[in-house]
Amino acid sequence: MEQVLPSRILQTAVEQLSLLPGVGRKTALRYALNLLRSDEEQVQGFTESISALKRDLKFCSMCHNISDTDMCPICSDQRRDRSTICVVSDIQDVMALENTQQYKGLYHVLGGVISPLDGVGPADLEIDSLVERVAAGGISEVILAISPTMEGDTTCFYIYRKLAPYDVKVTLLARGVAVGEDLEYTDEVTLGRSLLNRTPFDDK
């Protein structure tokens, strides 16, 4: 039975907090009461940071990673290997790969994977912009660092076929990453080794 709260304002706060993934009603209530007990300056700082996240955060015009500026620090860094693009499905995967400190090239964030059951097709992802980057020249290798799920493998195959007309090597992470496992939850050592020992994509 759902607990009746003594305040409509508190009820609304709990409802909004419980919309966050992994946050149940009891946890949301604990968060709301903690905010209630905090001083006003701390709460204002919290709410302003959330507002700024939605209002001011940008997506990199080149790789679609999150950034405070039009181009993210990775794409702006002239010390990175600009002949290699590592393709990932989500922003969290960029963070995971950067934490390995094994990769010095650029990235391309697709914004998901092809999943017809979820209504996500190639046109819903940043695949065309990836092809445009390769077509512009200067790219020697595209690494498909996408979680090895059925949807991930479908996405890799689609991208491989789209890049076939271009003179670019397409590689996959070594399968040290378990089938069905998300990259963001893979430990850094395994992920780093999978990146270093990547293999050519084979569609046979």
Protein backbone atom coordinates (compact mmCIF):
# COMPACT_ATOMS: atom_id res chain seq x y z
CA MET A 1 0.00 0.00 0.00
CA GLU A 2 1.37 3.38 -1.04
CA GLN A 3 2.33 5.60 1.88
CA VAL A 4 0.24 8.76 2.24
CA LEU A 5 2.48 11.80 2.68
CA PRO A 6 1.47 14.77 4.83
CA SER A 7 2.35 17.37 2.19
CA ARG A 8 1.38 17.77 -1.45
CA ILE A 9 4.68 19.57 -2.10
CA LEU A 10 6.63 16.66 -0.61
CA GLN A 11 4.49 14.24 -2.61
CA THR A 12 5.35 16.03 -5.86
CA ALA A 13 9.08 16.06 -5.01
CA VAL A 14 9.01 12.33 -4.29
CA GLU A 15 7.17 11.62 -7.54
CA GLN A 16 9.76 13.57 -9.54
CA LEU A 17 12.76 11.99 -7.81
CA SER A 18 11.34 8.50 -8.28
CA LEU A 19 11.40 9.05 -12.05
CA LEU A 20 15.19 8.66 -11.91
CA PRO A 21 16.40 5.17 -12.92
CA GLY A 22 16.96 2.87 -9.97
CA VAL A 23 15.24 5.22 -7.53
CA GLY A 24 12.22 3.69 -5.82
CA ARG A 25 9.63 5.57 -3.83
CA LYS A 26 11.32 4.96 -0.46
CA THR A 27 14.68 6.16 -1.75
CA ALA A 28 13.01 9.19 -3.37
CA LEU A 29 11.38 10.04 -0.05
CA ARG A 30 14.76 9.78 1.71
CA TYR A 31 16.33 12.10 -0.88
CA ALA A 32 13.48 14.60 -0.57
CA LEU A 33 13.68 14.68 3.24
CA ASN A 34 17.46 15.09 3.05
CA LEU A 35 17.01 18.10 0.76
CA LEU A 36 14.39 19.47 3.15
CA ARG A 37 16.88 19.30 6.02
CA SER A 38 19.67 20.93 3.98
CA ASP A 39 20.27 24.67 4.08
CA GLU A 40 18.77 26.79 1.32
CA GLU A 41 22.11 27.59 -0.33
CA GLN A 42 22.93 23.91 -0.73
CA VAL A 43 19.51 23.15 -2.22
CA GLN A 44 19.80 26.10 -4.63
CA GLY A 45 23.20 24.83 -5.75
CA PHE A 46 21.71 21.40 -6.35
CA THR A 47 18.72 22.66 -8.34
CA GLU A 48 20.88 25.09 -10.37
CA SER A 49 23.31 22.32 -11.33
CA ILE A 50 20.40 20.19 -12.59
CA SER A 51 18.95 23.13 -14.54
CA ALA A 52 22.35 23.91 -16.06
CA LEU A 53 22.76 20.27 -17.06
CA LYS A 54 19.71 20.54 -19.31
CA ARG A 55 20.05 24.20 -20.27
CA ASP A 56 23.76 24.65 -20.98
CA LEU A 57 25.26 21.25 -21.75
CA LYS A 58 26.02 20.75 -25.45
CA PHE A 59 26.74 17.85 -27.75
CA CYS A 60 30.05 18.00 -29.61
CA SER A 61 29.51 19.06 -33.22
CA MET A 62 32.03 16.45 -34.38
CA CYS A 63 31.68 13.31 -32.24
CA HIS A 64 28.37 13.96 -30.38
CA ASN A 65 29.94 13.47 -26.96
CA ILE A 66 28.73 15.82 -24.22
CA SER A 67 30.64 19.06 -23.87
CA ASP A 68 30.53 22.52 -22.32
CA THR A 69 31.58 23.96 -25.70
CA ASP A 70 30.67 23.42 -29.35
CA MET A 71 33.55 20.96 -29.72
CA CYS A 72 34.51 18.62 -26.90
CA PRO A 73 38.00 18.63 -25.33
CA ILE A 74 38.89 15.30 -26.99
CA CYS A 75 38.09 16.50 -30.51
CA SER A 76 39.83 19.81 -29.81
CA ASP A 77 43.02 18.13 -28.58
CA GLN A 78 45.51 18.24 -31.45
CA ARG A 79 47.66 15.63 -29.67
CA ARG A 80 45.04 12.92 -30.29
CA ASP A 81 45.45 10.53 -33.22
CA ARG A 82 43.06 12.07 -35.72
CA SER A 83 43.30 9.15 -38.15
CA THR A 84 41.42 6.78 -35.84
CA ILE A 85 37.77 6.92 -34.81
CA CYS A 86 36.38 4.74 -32.04
CA VAL A 87 32.63 4.27 -32.50
CA VAL A 88 30.56 3.78 -29.34
CA SER A 89 26.85 3.60 -28.70
CA ASP A 90 26.61 5.89 -25.68
CA ILE A 91 28.40 8.69 -23.84
CA GLN A 92 29.14 6.38 -20.90
CA ASP A 93 31.25 4.20 -23.21
CA VAL A 94 33.54 7.15 -23.99
CA MET A 95 34.13 7.59 -20.27
CA ALA A 96 34.82 3.88 -19.82
CA LEU A 97 37.33 3.78 -22.69
CA GLU A 98 39.06 6.98 -21.56
CA ASN A 99 39.50 5.46 -18.11
CA THR A 100 41.61 2.66 -19.63
CA GLN A 101 44.17 5.28 -20.82
CA GLN A 102 44.88 2.93 -23.75
CA TYR A 103 43.26 4.92 -26.54
CA LYS A 104 44.55 8.19 -27.99
CA GLY A 105 42.32 8.65 -31.03
CA LEU A 106 38.94 10.32 -31.56
CA TYR A 107 35.41 9.07 -30.87
CA HIS A 108 32.01 8.97 -32.49
CA VAL A 109 28.91 8.53 -30.31
CA LEU A 110 25.98 6.91 -32.11
CA GLY A 111 23.36 7.64 -29.47
CA GLY A 112 22.20 4.03 -29.20
CA VAL A 113 22.09 0.85 -31.28
CA ILE A 114 19.82 -0.43 -34.02
CA SER A 115 16.87 -2.11 -32.31
CA PRO A 116 13.73 -2.61 -34.43
CA LEU A 117 11.79 -3.96 -31.43
CA ASP A 118 12.37 -0.63 -29.67
CA GLY A 119 11.63 1.36 -32.80
CA VAL A 120 15.27 2.45 -33.28
CA GLY A 121 16.50 2.34 -36.86
CA PRO A 122 19.71 3.56 -38.55
CA ALA A 123 18.15 6.97 -39.24
CA ASP A 124 17.69 7.50 -35.49
CA LEU A 125 21.43 7.16 -34.86
CA GLU A 126 24.49 9.24 -35.80
CA ILE A 127 25.56 6.82 -38.53
CA ASP A 128 25.32 9.17 -41.52
CA SER A 129 27.54 11.72 -39.75
CA LEU A 130 30.11 8.95 -39.14
CA VAL A 131 30.11 8.09 -42.84
CA GLU A 132 30.56 11.78 -43.64
CA ARG A 133 33.62 11.96 -41.36
CA VAL A 134 35.17 8.95 -43.10
CA ALA A 135 34.26 10.24 -46.57
CA ALA A 136 36.00 13.54 -45.81
CA GLY A 137 39.30 11.66 -45.71
CA GLY A 138 42.18 11.33 -43.29
CA ILE A 139 40.70 8.36 -41.41
CA SER A 140 42.67 5.11 -41.58
CA GLU A 141 40.81 3.02 -38.99
CA VAL A 142 37.33 2.85 -37.50
CA ILE A 143 37.08 0.82 -34.28
CA LEU A 144 33.60 -0.54 -33.56
CA ALA A 145 33.57 -0.49 -29.74
CA ILE A 146 29.94 -1.47 -29.32
CA SER A 147 28.64 -3.85 -26.66
CA PRO A 148 28.52 -7.43 -28.08
CA THR A 149 24.76 -7.91 -27.90
CA MET A 150 22.47 -8.94 -30.75
CA GLU A 151 21.56 -5.29 -31.34
CA GLY A 152 25.20 -4.25 -31.04
CA ASP A 153 26.33 -6.82 -33.59
CA THR A 154 23.55 -5.73 -35.96
CA THR A 155 24.72 -2.13 -35.64
CA CYS A 156 28.35 -3.11 -36.27
CA PHE A 157 27.40 -5.04 -39.41
CA TYR A 158 25.31 -2.14 -40.72
CA ILE A 159 28.14 0.34 -40.17
CA TYR A 160 30.66 -2.04 -41.76
CA ARG A 161 28.55 -2.21 -44.92
CA LYS A 162 28.10 1.56 -44.99
CA LEU A 163 31.88 2.06 -44.76
CA ALA A 164 32.69 -0.62 -47.36
CA PRO A 165 33.09 1.87 -50.26
CA TYR A 166 35.85 3.74 -48.41
CA ASP A 167 39.51 2.88 -47.96
CA VAL A 168 39.36 2.47 -44.21
CA LYS A 169 40.18 -0.45 -41.90
CA VAL A 170 37.24 -1.49 -39.72
CA THR A 171 38.08 -3.34 -36.50
CA LEU A 172 36.25 -4.78 -33.49
CA LEU A 173 37.20 -4.98 -29.83
CA ALA A 174 38.73 -8.35 -28.97
CA ARG A 175 36.12 -10.60 -27.37
CA GLY A 176 37.62 -10.29 -23.91
CA VAL A 177 34.38 -8.41 -23.34
CA ALA A 178 31.77 -11.05 -22.60
CA VAL A 179 28.92 -11.47 -25.07
CA GLY A 180 25.90 -9.50 -23.88
CA GLU A 181 27.94 -7.31 -21.52
CA ASP A 182 27.70 -3.51 -21.60
CA LEU A 183 31.03 -1.71 -22.06
CA GLU A 184 30.37 0.76 -19.25
CA TYR A 185 30.25 -2.14 -16.74
CA THR A 186 33.38 -3.90 -18.01
CA ASP A 187 36.46 -3.55 -15.80
CA GLU A 188 39.17 -1.22 -17.09
CA VAL A 189 41.85 -3.91 -17.49
CA THR A 190 39.63 -6.17 -19.62
CA LEU A 191 38.37 -3.22 -21.66
CA GLY A 192 41.89 -1.90 -22.20
CA ARG A 193 43.16 -5.28 -23.39
CA SER A 194 40.16 -5.70 -25.68
CA LEU A 195 40.94 -2.32 -27.21
CA LEU A 196 44.65 -3.05 -27.73
CA ASN A 197 43.96 -6.53 -29.16
CA ARG A 198 41.16 -5.46 -31.50
CA THR A 199 40.59 -7.57 -34.60
CA PRO A 200 39.54 -6.83 -38.20
CA PHE A 201 35.79 -6.91 -38.77
CA ASP A 202 34.78 -10.04 -40.68
CA ASP A 203 31.29 -10.21 -42.15
CA LYS A 204 31.63 -13.83 -43.25
